[in-house]
Amino acid sequence: MTLRLHDTLERRLVDFVPLDPEGPVTFYTCGPTVYDYAHIGNFRSFLNADVLRRTLELLGFEVRHVMNITDVGHMTDDAVADGGGEDKMAVAGRRLLESKKAGTLPGDVEVDPGDPYAIADFYAAAFIEDARTLGLKVVEDAATDPSVMPRPTRWVAEMIALVERLVERGHAYVGGDGAVYFSVTSFAGYGRLSGNTLDALREGEGGRVSEANQAAKRHPADFLLWKPDESHLMRWPSPWGEGYPGWHLECSAMALGLLAPQDGPHSGTIDLHSGGEDNIFPHHECEIAQSCAATGADRFARHWFHTRHLVVEGEKMSKSKGNFFTVRDILAKGATPAALRLELVRTHYRTNANFTLQGLRDCGRMIDRWCRLRDALRAGRVVAGDGPGPLERALPEFTAALCDDLNLARAIGVLNEAVNAGRADGDAGVDDAVRATAELAALERMDLVLGVLDRNEVVEADGGDDDFAATVEARITARAEAKANKDWPAADAIRDELAAMGVAIKDGPDGTTWSRVVE
């Protein structure tokens, strides 16, 4: 089957054809900026990229997937092309300091709020833990190849070299304030990704360019490549003075250095580049301009993949509204990583998604059904019949849905129909190890993309309520003893008691497991 994907640059569905049929698919994802915990809206974008990567692997492609962890460069006003506002790492330092003074940081957290590298390491570790919990495969790759999750602070030399090349080729200049800017008028394709025109950007310069820098630049939309600033929190020596890189520069340097061929017909080009919808402009627009201007390539990425926004219960996420959630917030409510992962990706990536707690519960129940069928298949129990089973028959249709611009909702519908047909309850079930093995293999192939079956247990957060867990375990033990003594009223009473505590229990061949009910 051929994967058809919507390309943001072309504004249409196109067949995915890798640059090198013999080599790995090269895939770059704009990752988190580690000045805070990543929220579920961030993770929707990261997880959709993961689903795309998994789909490519299901289709037989080898994928080299790189996702950066940005630890320098972002400013509080990222919408401003020249990096207006304040360094977000400085803001994060103040926030950590306030938390430390207020005693709201966990007791085992040791981070110096005045050390930007320590701040970045703290939030990077938190992100990696959350990403691993939700099953991002790039994190698994990084365990053996750290280069697939690069940090910009370790790529400053490459960024400086990229700026020097742009200056030499006439695409960049030193402005009146001593900073180095990219000249957007030097690159004919600027604005094509986002649909912005230079005339429109000039007319809207007051809302997009910091007033202090307008006089320093040739065009209001010219964007920062290097800013000399000896007082900046994180800074490095350069030919233009000690300072720091513009944040658009980072991804170009790392994607070109880690993924793009250095010579040959596809020099300077990668297969895929992904990010959230808010990355389209100015970030990805600027990436294209500086990358293609430096290498001479016609395209920086063959395919641009962007995920739309996430709202919560129909409203934009906001801390003031109480609907701003991190991964840890949701898992603390008793959701499994599997349910959270599925809720974040089941709405098509090009549609705004509405995250709801009811949807989270629905995903949890759906995955429970899949897991029960998997357990039955592992035990050799399968629906009676001749020829391929319902899961085997469903696999091609499941794959076809994914090939239709990652139509995950349709793929999940195909799986649910097969699961309903494949239940081996009562008289419908027979013991048939060969047939069960084939059905299990089909289910696991589908889960290669979904990534949920092995994540359907509650994750206890560090510093969780150990007394609560001990109480629950004690009541489960008491219930098991009541059942062994055939004291059914006592067993039922304990189940009701646990339900009143917000605990759901599930009996299985290996004993009883429990989870907190999502509130």
Protein backbone atom coordinates (compact mmCIF):
# COMPACT_ATOMS: atom_id res chain seq x y z
CA MET A 1 0.00 0.00 0.00
CA THR A 2 1.07 3.59 -0.64
CA LEU A 3 0.91 6.09 2.17
CA ARG A 4 -0.82 9.33 1.17
CA LEU A 5 -0.11 12.31 3.41
CA HIS A 6 -1.24 15.91 3.41
CA ASP A 7 1.76 18.12 2.76
CA THR A 8 1.43 21.56 4.35
CA LEU A 9 3.65 23.14 1.69
CA GLU A 10 1.73 21.67 -1.25
CA ARG A 11 -1.65 22.02 0.52
CA ARG A 12 -2.81 18.67 -0.82
CA LEU A 13 -2.52 14.93 -0.37
CA VAL A 14 0.60 13.47 -1.94
CA ASP A 15 2.07 9.98 -2.14
CA PHE A 16 4.88 9.48 0.32
CA VAL A 17 7.98 8.59 -1.70
CA PRO A 18 11.28 8.54 0.24
CA LEU A 19 14.27 10.35 -1.16
CA ASP A 20 16.40 7.23 -0.97
CA PRO A 21 14.51 3.95 -1.55
CA GLU A 22 17.47 2.03 -0.16
CA GLY A 23 18.12 4.13 2.94
CA PRO A 24 16.14 5.05 6.03
CA VAL A 25 13.35 7.59 5.94
CA THR A 26 14.76 10.79 7.47
CA PHE A 27 12.27 12.38 9.87
CA TYR A 28 12.75 15.47 12.02
CA THR A 29 10.27 16.53 14.72
CA CYS A 30 10.36 19.85 16.55
CA GLY A 31 10.46 18.76 20.17
CA PRO A 32 9.87 20.51 23.49
CA THR A 33 11.49 23.61 24.88
CA VAL A 34 12.49 22.49 28.36
CA TYR A 35 11.58 25.49 30.49
CA ASP A 36 8.47 23.78 31.94
CA TYR A 37 6.61 20.47 31.92
CA ALA A 38 5.19 19.63 28.49
CA HIS A 39 1.38 19.78 28.47
CA ILE A 40 -1.03 17.41 26.73
CA GLY A 41 -1.38 19.78 23.77
CA ASN A 42 2.37 19.48 23.16
CA PHE A 43 2.13 15.73 23.45
CA ARG A 44 -0.68 15.52 20.91
CA SER A 45 1.78 16.81 18.30
CA PHE A 46 4.60 14.53 19.47
CA LEU A 47 2.32 11.48 19.56
CA ASN A 48 0.96 12.12 16.06
CA ALA A 49 4.54 12.21 14.81
CA ASP A 50 5.11 8.92 16.63
CA VAL A 51 2.02 7.40 14.95
CA LEU A 52 3.36 8.52 11.56
CA ARG A 53 6.73 6.98 12.32
CA ARG A 54 5.07 3.72 13.47
CA THR A 55 2.89 3.65 10.34
CA LEU A 56 5.97 3.94 8.15
CA GLU A 57 7.53 1.04 10.03
CA LEU A 58 4.33 -1.01 9.66
CA LEU A 59 4.65 -0.45 5.90
CA GLY A 60 8.19 -1.79 5.98
CA PHE A 61 10.26 1.41 6.02
CA GLU A 62 13.28 1.90 8.23
CA VAL A 63 13.01 5.30 9.91
CA ARG A 64 15.68 7.53 11.38
CA HIS A 65 13.67 9.85 13.59
CA VAL A 66 15.26 12.86 15.31
CA MET A 67 13.50 15.09 17.84
CA ASN A 68 15.33 17.99 19.45
CA ILE A 69 15.13 19.07 23.08
CA THR A 70 15.48 22.85 22.93
CA ASP A 71 17.50 24.12 25.86
CA VAL A 72 18.34 27.63 24.60
CA GLY A 73 17.04 30.37 22.36
CA HIS A 74 13.31 30.61 22.94
CA MET A 75 12.02 34.00 24.00
CA THR A 76 8.76 34.86 25.69
CA ASP A 77 7.45 36.34 22.43
CA ASP A 78 8.16 33.57 19.93
CA ALA A 79 5.75 35.09 17.43
CA VAL A 80 8.20 37.94 16.92
CA ALA A 81 10.62 37.05 14.15
CA ASP A 82 13.61 38.62 15.86
CA GLY A 83 13.08 36.92 19.21
CA GLY A 84 11.42 39.56 21.36
CA GLY A 85 10.82 39.46 25.08
CA GLU A 86 12.79 37.56 27.70
CA ASP A 87 14.68 34.28 27.67
CA LYS A 88 12.27 31.56 28.78
CA MET A 89 15.04 29.83 30.73
CA ALA A 90 15.34 32.93 32.93
CA VAL A 91 11.57 32.85 33.48
CA ALA A 92 11.80 29.16 34.38
CA GLY A 93 14.56 29.92 36.87
CA ARG A 94 12.40 32.48 38.67
CA ARG A 95 9.47 30.08 38.74
CA LEU A 96 11.59 27.31 40.23
CA LEU A 97 13.03 29.72 42.78
CA GLU A 98 9.53 30.77 43.83
CA SER A 99 8.48 27.12 44.13
CA LYS A 100 11.56 26.33 46.16
CA LYS A 101 10.89 29.22 48.56
CA ALA A 102 7.24 28.20 48.85
CA GLY A 103 8.22 24.60 49.57
CA THR A 104 6.11 23.29 46.68
CA LEU A 105 8.92 21.41 44.96
CA PRO A 106 9.13 17.69 45.84
CA GLY A 107 11.66 17.08 48.56
CA ASP A 108 13.98 15.04 46.35
CA VAL A 109 14.28 17.74 43.68
CA GLU A 110 17.69 19.37 43.72
CA VAL A 111 18.05 22.02 41.02
CA ASP A 112 19.79 25.38 41.15
CA PRO A 113 17.25 27.95 39.87
CA GLY A 114 20.13 30.19 38.79
CA ASP A 115 21.77 27.58 36.58
CA PRO A 116 20.10 27.42 33.13
CA TYR A 117 21.78 24.13 32.30
CA ALA A 118 20.44 22.57 35.52
CA ILE A 119 16.97 23.91 34.74
CA ALA A 120 17.11 22.44 31.24
CA ASP A 121 18.34 19.09 32.54
CA PHE A 122 15.54 19.01 35.14
CA TYR A 123 12.73 19.60 32.64
CA ALA A 124 14.39 17.50 29.92
CA ALA A 125 14.48 14.53 32.29
CA ALA A 126 10.81 15.11 33.13
CA PHE A 127 9.91 15.24 29.44
CA ILE A 128 11.83 12.06 28.64
CA GLU A 129 10.10 10.25 31.50
CA ASP A 130 6.66 11.37 30.26
CA ALA A 131 7.53 10.54 26.65
CA ARG A 132 8.73 7.07 27.62
CA THR A 133 5.54 6.50 29.63
CA LEU A 134 3.42 7.37 26.59
CA GLY A 135 5.52 5.26 24.26
CA LEU A 136 7.38 7.68 22.00
CA LYS A 137 9.75 5.44 20.07
CA VAL A 138 12.33 8.18 19.59
CA VAL A 139 12.99 7.99 23.34
CA GLU A 140 13.69 4.27 23.01
CA ASP A 141 16.10 5.06 20.16
CA ALA A 142 17.87 7.66 22.29
CA ALA A 143 18.76 5.02 24.88
CA THR A 144 21.28 3.59 22.40
CA ASP A 145 21.81 6.62 20.13
CA PRO A 146 21.66 9.92 22.06
CA SER A 147 22.11 11.89 18.82
CA VAL A 148 18.45 11.36 17.91
CA MET A 149 17.43 13.72 20.75
CA PRO A 150 19.97 16.53 20.28
CA ARG A 151 20.35 19.60 22.50
CA PRO A 152 20.99 22.95 20.74
CA THR A 153 23.55 23.99 23.38
CA ARG A 154 25.76 21.22 21.96
CA TRP A 155 25.34 22.44 18.37
CA VAL A 156 26.40 26.07 18.68
CA ALA A 157 29.53 25.62 16.53
CA GLU A 158 27.40 24.20 13.70
CA MET A 159 24.95 27.09 14.04
CA ILE A 160 27.75 29.66 13.79
CA ALA A 161 29.08 27.90 10.68
CA LEU A 162 25.58 28.01 9.15
CA VAL A 163 25.32 31.75 9.81
CA GLU A 164 28.75 32.33 8.26
CA ARG A 165 27.65 30.47 5.13
CA LEU A 166 24.46 32.57 4.88
CA VAL A 167 26.46 35.80 5.22
CA GLU A 168 28.92 34.65 2.54
CA ARG A 169 26.05 33.86 0.16
CA GLY A 170 24.38 37.21 0.66
CA HIS A 171 21.36 35.86 2.55
CA ALA A 172 22.31 37.37 5.92
CA TYR A 173 23.78 40.64 7.16
CA VAL A 174 24.85 42.43 10.31
CA GLY A 175 22.16 44.91 11.28
CA GLY A 176 22.43 48.33 12.81
CA ASP A 177 22.29 46.84 16.30
CA GLY A 178 25.17 44.41 15.66
CA ALA A 179 22.89 41.36 15.39
CA VAL A 180 22.93 39.06 12.37
CA TYR A 181 19.65 38.83 10.45
CA PHE A 182 18.40 36.66 7.60
CA SER A 183 17.29 38.75 4.62
CA VAL A 184 13.85 37.46 3.63
CA THR A 185 13.91 39.37 0.33
CA SER A 186 16.95 37.32 -0.69
CA PHE A 187 14.93 34.11 -0.67
CA ALA A 188 12.15 33.98 -3.26
CA GLY A 189 10.21 31.21 -1.52
CA TYR A 190 9.77 32.98 1.81
CA GLY A 191 6.11 32.80 2.87
CA ARG A 192 5.12 29.83 0.72
CA LEU A 193 4.61 27.42 3.64
CA SER A 194 2.42 29.74 5.67
CA GLY A 195 0.82 31.71 2.84
CA ASN A 196 2.25 34.99 4.13
CA THR A 197 3.51 37.57 1.65
CA LEU A 198 6.29 40.04 2.28
CA ASP A 199 3.91 42.92 1.59
CA ALA A 200 1.49 41.62 4.20
CA LEU A 201 4.29 41.14 6.69
CA ARG A 202 5.49 44.71 6.10
CA GLU A 203 1.99 46.07 6.66
CA GLY A 204 1.67 44.08 9.88
CA GLU A 205 5.14 44.87 11.16
CA GLY A 206 3.92 46.53 14.35
CA GLY A 207 2.38 43.31 15.64
CA ARG A 208 5.17 41.01 14.53
CA VAL A 209 8.47 42.79 14.94
CA SER A 210 9.75 44.39 18.12
CA GLU A 211 9.75 48.16 17.71
CA ALA A 212 13.31 48.51 19.01
CA ASN A 213 14.67 46.33 16.19
CA GLN A 214 12.73 47.72 13.21
CA ALA A 215 15.34 50.37 12.45
CA ALA A 216 18.17 47.81 12.65
CA LYS A 217 16.80 45.66 9.82
CA ARG A 218 16.37 45.98 6.08
CA HIS A 219 12.90 44.45 6.12
CA PRO A 220 10.55 44.09 9.10
CA ALA A 221 10.27 40.31 8.55
CA ASP A 222 14.05 39.72 8.57
CA PHE A 223 14.65 37.31 11.41
CA LEU A 224 17.39 36.87 13.98
CA LEU A 225 20.27 34.47 13.40
CA TRP A 226 22.69 35.65 16.08
CA LYS A 227 22.27 38.20 18.88
CA PRO A 228 25.37 39.65 20.60
CA ASP A 229 24.48 40.08 24.27
CA GLU A 230 27.10 39.76 27.00
CA SER A 231 24.43 39.92 29.71
CA HIS A 232 22.34 37.06 28.36
CA LEU A 233 21.88 34.05 30.63
CA MET A 234 23.33 31.58 28.09
CA ARG A 235 25.92 32.91 25.64
CA TRP A 236 28.86 31.83 23.47
CA PRO A 237 31.71 33.52 21.58
CA SER A 238 31.17 34.14 17.87
CA PRO A 239 32.56 36.29 15.03
CA TRP A 240 29.80 38.82 15.83
CA GLY A 241 30.44 38.98 19.55
CA GLU A 242 29.50 36.91 22.57
CA GLY A 243 25.80 36.10 22.42
CA TYR A 244 23.23 33.48 21.51
CA PRO A 245 21.56 31.99 18.39
CA GLY A 246 18.09 32.74 17.09
CA TRP A 247 15.80 29.83 17.89
CA HIS A 248 14.87 29.16 14.23
CA LEU A 249 18.53 28.47 13.52
CA GLU A 250 18.78 25.53 15.89
CA CYS A 251 16.54 23.08 14.05
CA SER A 252 18.13 23.80 10.68
CA ALA A 253 21.60 23.08 12.01
CA MET A 254 20.57 19.85 13.73
CA ALA A 255 18.31 18.51 10.95
CA LEU A 256 20.90 19.23 8.26
CA GLY A 257 23.72 17.82 10.37
CA LEU A 258 21.99 14.65 11.53
CA LEU A 259 19.67 13.74 8.66
CA ALA A 260 20.32 15.51 5.35
CA PRO A 261 22.76 14.11 2.77
CA GLN A 262 25.80 16.34 2.39
CA ASP A 263 26.18 15.65 -1.34
CA GLY A 264 24.38 13.99 -4.22
CA PRO A 265 21.01 14.82 -5.82
CA HIS A 266 19.22 15.18 -2.48
CA SER A 267 21.86 17.19 -0.67
CA GLY A 268 20.39 19.36 2.07
CA THR A 269 16.95 17.69 2.00
CA ILE A 270 15.16 15.39 4.45
CA ASP A 271 12.05 13.29 3.94
CA LEU A 272 9.76 14.50 6.72
CA HIS A 273 9.49 17.41 9.11
CA SER A 274 6.74 17.63 11.72
CA GLY A 275 5.52 19.97 14.41
CA GLY A 276 2.45 21.62 15.82
CA GLU A 277 0.31 23.98 13.77
CA ASP A 278 1.79 26.92 15.66
CA ASN A 279 5.25 26.01 14.30
CA ILE A 280 4.25 26.78 10.70
CA PHE A 281 4.94 30.48 11.09
CA PRO A 282 7.38 31.85 11.82
CA HIS A 283 9.47 28.85 12.89
CA HIS A 284 9.17 26.42 9.99
CA GLU A 285 8.94 29.21 7.43
CA CYS A 286 12.26 30.53 8.72
CA GLU A 287 13.79 27.04 8.82
CA ILE A 288 13.02 26.53 5.14
CA ALA A 289 14.49 29.88 4.15
CA GLN A 290 17.78 29.59 6.01
CA SER A 291 18.26 25.88 5.20
CA CYS A 292 17.61 26.15 1.47
CA ALA A 293 19.55 29.42 1.21
CA ALA A 294 22.55 27.76 2.86
CA THR A 295 22.50 24.51 0.87
CA GLY A 296 20.97 25.57 -2.44
CA ALA A 297 18.40 22.76 -2.19
CA ASP A 298 14.93 23.28 -3.68
CA ARG A 299 13.25 21.73 -0.65
CA PHE A 300 14.34 21.48 2.97
CA ALA A 301 11.79 18.74 3.71
CA ARG A 302 9.89 16.74 1.09
CA HIS A 303 6.83 16.48 3.33
CA TRP A 304 5.61 18.88 6.02
CA PHE A 305 3.35 17.31 8.66
CA HIS A 306 1.50 19.56 11.12
CA THR A 307 -0.90 18.70 13.94
CA ARG A 308 -3.83 21.02 14.76
CA HIS A 309 -4.55 22.43 18.20
CA LEU A 310 -5.99 20.67 21.25
CA VAL A 311 -8.75 22.15 23.39
CA VAL A 312 -9.99 20.76 26.71
CA GLU A 313 -13.71 20.25 27.28
CA GLY A 314 -14.37 22.63 24.38
CA GLU A 315 -12.18 25.47 25.69
CA LYS A 316 -8.63 26.63 25.09
CA MET A 317 -6.26 25.33 27.73
CA SER A 318 -5.61 27.88 30.45
CA LYS A 319 -4.21 27.65 33.95
CA SER A 320 -6.70 30.29 35.07
CA LYS A 321 -9.58 28.12 33.86
CA GLY A 322 -8.22 25.05 35.62
CA ASN A 323 -8.13 23.01 32.39
CA PHE A 324 -4.37 23.13 31.77
CA PHE A 325 -3.02 19.59 32.11
CA THR A 326 0.37 17.97 31.96
CA VAL A 327 0.76 14.24 31.37
CA ARG A 328 1.37 13.83 35.09
CA ASP A 329 -1.84 15.66 35.95
CA ILE A 330 -3.90 13.23 33.87
CA LEU A 331 -2.13 10.10 35.09
CA ALA A 332 -2.61 11.26 38.69
CA LYS A 333 -6.37 11.13 38.04
CA GLY A 334 -6.10 7.38 37.54
CA ALA A 335 -5.90 7.24 33.75
CA THR A 336 -3.58 4.71 32.18
CA PRO A 337 -0.86 5.87 29.78
CA ALA A 338 -2.63 3.81 27.10
CA ALA A 339 -5.92 5.68 27.52
CA LEU A 340 -4.17 9.06 27.46
CA ARG A 341 -2.16 8.14 24.38
CA LEU A 342 -5.26 6.98 22.49
CA GLU A 343 -7.37 9.99 23.52
CA LEU A 344 -4.67 12.34 22.22
CA VAL A 345 -4.31 10.71 18.78
CA ARG A 346 -7.70 9.26 17.85
CA THR A 347 -8.96 12.57 16.39
CA HIS A 348 -7.47 13.19 12.96
CA TYR A 349 -4.27 15.19 13.19
CA ARG A 350 -5.56 17.86 10.78
CA THR A 351 -8.65 18.48 12.92
CA ASN A 352 -8.74 20.41 16.18
CA ALA A 353 -9.14 17.85 18.97
CA ASN A 354 -11.38 18.20 22.01
CA PHE A 355 -9.85 16.40 24.98
CA THR A 356 -12.46 15.32 27.52
CA LEU A 357 -12.37 13.18 30.64
CA GLN A 358 -15.32 11.21 29.26
CA GLY A 359 -13.30 10.53 26.12
CA LEU A 360 -10.44 9.38 28.32
CA ARG A 361 -12.77 6.94 30.10
CA ASP A 362 -14.11 5.69 26.75
CA CYS A 363 -10.57 5.05 25.52
CA GLY A 364 -9.77 3.18 28.72
CA ARG A 365 -12.78 0.87 28.28
CA MET A 366 -11.97 0.32 24.62
CA ILE A 367 -8.39 -0.68 25.39
CA ASP A 368 -9.60 -2.95 28.20
CA ARG A 369 -11.61 -4.90 25.59
CA TRP A 370 -8.58 -5.18 23.34
CA CYS A 371 -6.45 -6.40 26.24
CA ARG A 372 -9.01 -9.02 27.28
CA LEU A 373 -9.01 -10.39 23.75
CA ARG A 374 -5.21 -10.38 23.67
CA ASP A 375 -5.12 -12.33 26.95
CA ALA A 376 -7.59 -14.89 25.57
CA LEU A 377 -5.51 -15.30 22.43
CA ARG A 378 -2.36 -15.75 24.47
CA ALA A 379 -4.15 -18.55 26.30
CA GLY A 380 -5.02 -20.17 22.95
CA ARG A 381 -8.71 -19.32 23.18
CA VAL A 382 -10.15 -18.12 19.89
CA VAL A 383 -13.46 -17.68 18.11
CA ALA A 384 -14.51 -20.77 16.20
CA GLY A 385 -14.36 -20.75 12.41
CA ASP A 386 -12.43 -21.69 9.29
CA GLY A 387 -9.85 -19.64 7.43
CA PRO A 388 -8.37 -16.34 8.61
CA GLY A 389 -9.92 -14.94 11.77
CA PRO A 390 -11.54 -11.50 12.08
CA LEU A 391 -8.30 -9.79 13.20
CA GLU A 392 -6.31 -11.26 10.31
CA ARG A 393 -9.01 -10.13 7.89
CA ALA A 394 -9.07 -6.67 9.48
CA LEU A 395 -5.32 -5.98 9.22
CA PRO A 396 -5.30 -4.94 5.52
CA GLU A 397 -8.29 -2.62 6.05
CA PHE A 398 -6.65 -1.20 9.19
CA THR A 399 -3.48 -0.51 7.19
CA ALA A 400 -5.46 1.02 4.31
CA ALA A 401 -7.08 3.48 6.74
CA LEU A 402 -3.66 4.57 7.96
CA CYS A 403 -2.46 4.99 4.40
CA ASP A 404 -5.33 7.43 3.86
CA ASP A 405 -3.59 10.38 5.55
CA LEU A 406 -3.39 8.56 8.91
CA ASN A 407 -7.15 8.05 9.28
CA LEU A 408 -6.73 6.63 12.76
CA ALA A 409 -10.41 6.96 13.67
CA ARG A 410 -11.34 4.64 10.80
CA ALA A 411 -8.51 2.27 11.69
CA ILE A 412 -9.75 2.08 15.30
CA GLY A 413 -13.27 1.40 14.02
CA VAL A 414 -11.95 -1.48 11.92
CA LEU A 415 -10.16 -2.89 14.95
CA ASN A 416 -13.23 -2.59 17.18
CA GLU A 417 -15.38 -4.48 14.67
CA ALA A 418 -12.78 -7.24 14.52
CA VAL A 419 -12.48 -7.38 18.31
CA ASN A 420 -16.25 -7.69 18.65
CA ALA A 421 -16.27 -10.51 16.09
CA GLY A 422 -13.24 -12.17 17.65
CA ARG A 423 -14.47 -12.46 21.24
CA ALA A 424 -14.21 -16.04 22.38
CA ASP A 425 -16.89 -15.88 25.06
CA GLY A 426 -19.03 -18.89 25.98
CA ASP A 427 -19.96 -21.26 23.16
CA ALA A 428 -18.19 -19.09 20.56
CA GLY A 429 -14.78 -19.90 21.98
CA VAL A 430 -12.57 -22.88 21.20
CA ASP A 431 -9.04 -23.86 22.06
CA ASP A 432 -6.99 -23.55 18.87
CA ALA A 433 -3.38 -22.55 19.43
CA VAL A 434 -2.52 -22.18 15.74
CA ARG A 435 -5.48 -19.95 14.94
CA ALA A 436 -4.99 -17.96 18.15
CA THR A 437 -1.34 -17.36 17.31
CA ALA A 438 -2.26 -15.94 13.91
CA GLU A 439 -4.95 -13.71 15.41
CA LEU A 440 -2.61 -12.52 18.13
CA ALA A 441 0.04 -11.66 15.54
CA ALA A 442 -2.50 -9.53 13.63
CA LEU A 443 -3.57 -7.73 16.80
CA GLU A 444 0.02 -7.02 17.74
CA ARG A 445 0.73 -5.71 14.22
CA MET A 446 -2.06 -3.18 14.66
CA ASP A 447 -0.75 -2.28 18.09
CA LEU A 448 2.66 -1.54 16.55
CA VAL A 449 0.97 1.69 15.45
CA LEU A 450 -1.44 2.25 18.34
CA GLY A 451 1.17 1.47 21.02
CA VAL A 452 -1.33 0.90 23.83
CA LEU A 453 -1.63 -2.77 24.81
CA ASP A 454 1.49 -2.78 26.99
CA ARG A 455 0.66 0.57 28.60
CA ASN A 456 -2.73 -0.27 30.07
CA GLU A 457 -1.76 -0.12 33.73
CA VAL A 458 -1.89 2.85 36.06
CA VAL A 459 1.48 4.50 36.61
CA GLU A 460 2.10 5.51 40.19
CA ALA A 461 3.77 8.91 40.20
CA ASP A 462 6.91 9.49 42.22
CA GLY A 463 6.00 10.82 45.59
CA GLY A 464 2.48 9.30 45.29
CA ASP A 465 0.21 8.37 48.14
CA ASP A 466 1.88 5.21 49.45
CA ASP A 467 -0.63 4.90 52.30
CA PHE A 468 -3.53 4.96 49.84
CA ALA A 469 -1.93 2.23 47.73
CA ALA A 470 -1.22 0.12 50.81
CA THR A 471 -4.85 0.47 51.92
CA VAL A 472 -6.12 -0.60 48.51
CA GLU A 473 -3.79 -3.60 48.38
CA ALA A 474 -4.87 -4.64 51.86
CA ARG A 475 -8.56 -4.48 50.90
CA ILE A 476 -7.89 -6.48 47.73
CA THR A 477 -6.15 -9.14 49.82
CA ALA A 478 -9.12 -9.21 52.19
CA ARG A 479 -11.48 -9.59 49.25
CA ALA A 480 -9.43 -12.48 47.88
CA GLU A 481 -9.64 -14.19 51.26
CA ALA A 482 -13.42 -13.64 51.37
CA LYS A 483 -13.78 -15.16 47.90
CA ALA A 484 -11.61 -18.13 48.90
CA ASN A 485 -13.96 -18.70 51.86
CA LYS A 486 -16.96 -18.26 49.50
CA ASP A 487 -18.11 -15.29 51.56
CA TRP A 488 -19.58 -13.55 48.53
CA PRO A 489 -21.41 -10.78 50.45
CA ALA A 490 -18.13 -9.75 52.13
CA ALA A 491 -16.28 -9.80 48.80
CA ASP A 492 -18.97 -7.68 47.17
CA ALA A 493 -18.92 -5.25 50.10
CA ILE A 494 -15.15 -4.76 49.68
CA ARG A 495 -15.60 -4.14 45.95
CA ASP A 496 -18.23 -1.48 46.77
CA GLU A 497 -15.92 0.02 49.39
CA LEU A 498 -13.11 0.29 46.86
CA ALA A 499 -15.47 1.83 44.30
CA ALA A 500 -16.44 4.46 46.87
CA MET A 501 -12.72 5.23 47.26
CA GLY A 502 -12.51 5.86 43.50
CA VAL A 503 -10.83 2.53 42.75
CA ALA A 504 -11.77 0.14 39.95
CA ILE A 505 -10.60 -3.46 40.23
CA LYS A 506 -10.17 -6.05 37.51
CA ASP A 507 -9.91 -9.79 38.13
CA GLY A 508 -7.69 -11.75 35.78
CA PRO A 509 -5.80 -15.05 35.52
CA ASP A 510 -2.80 -13.49 37.27
CA GLY A 511 -4.80 -11.96 40.11
CA THR A 512 -6.55 -8.66 40.71
CA THR A 513 -5.28 -5.32 39.41
CA TRP A 514 -6.63 -1.91 40.31
CA SER A 515 -6.71 1.64 39.05
CA ARG A 516 -8.09 4.97 40.18
CA VAL A 517 -11.23 5.98 38.35
CA VAL A 518 -10.65 9.03 36.17
CA GLU A 519 -12.51 11.96 37.70
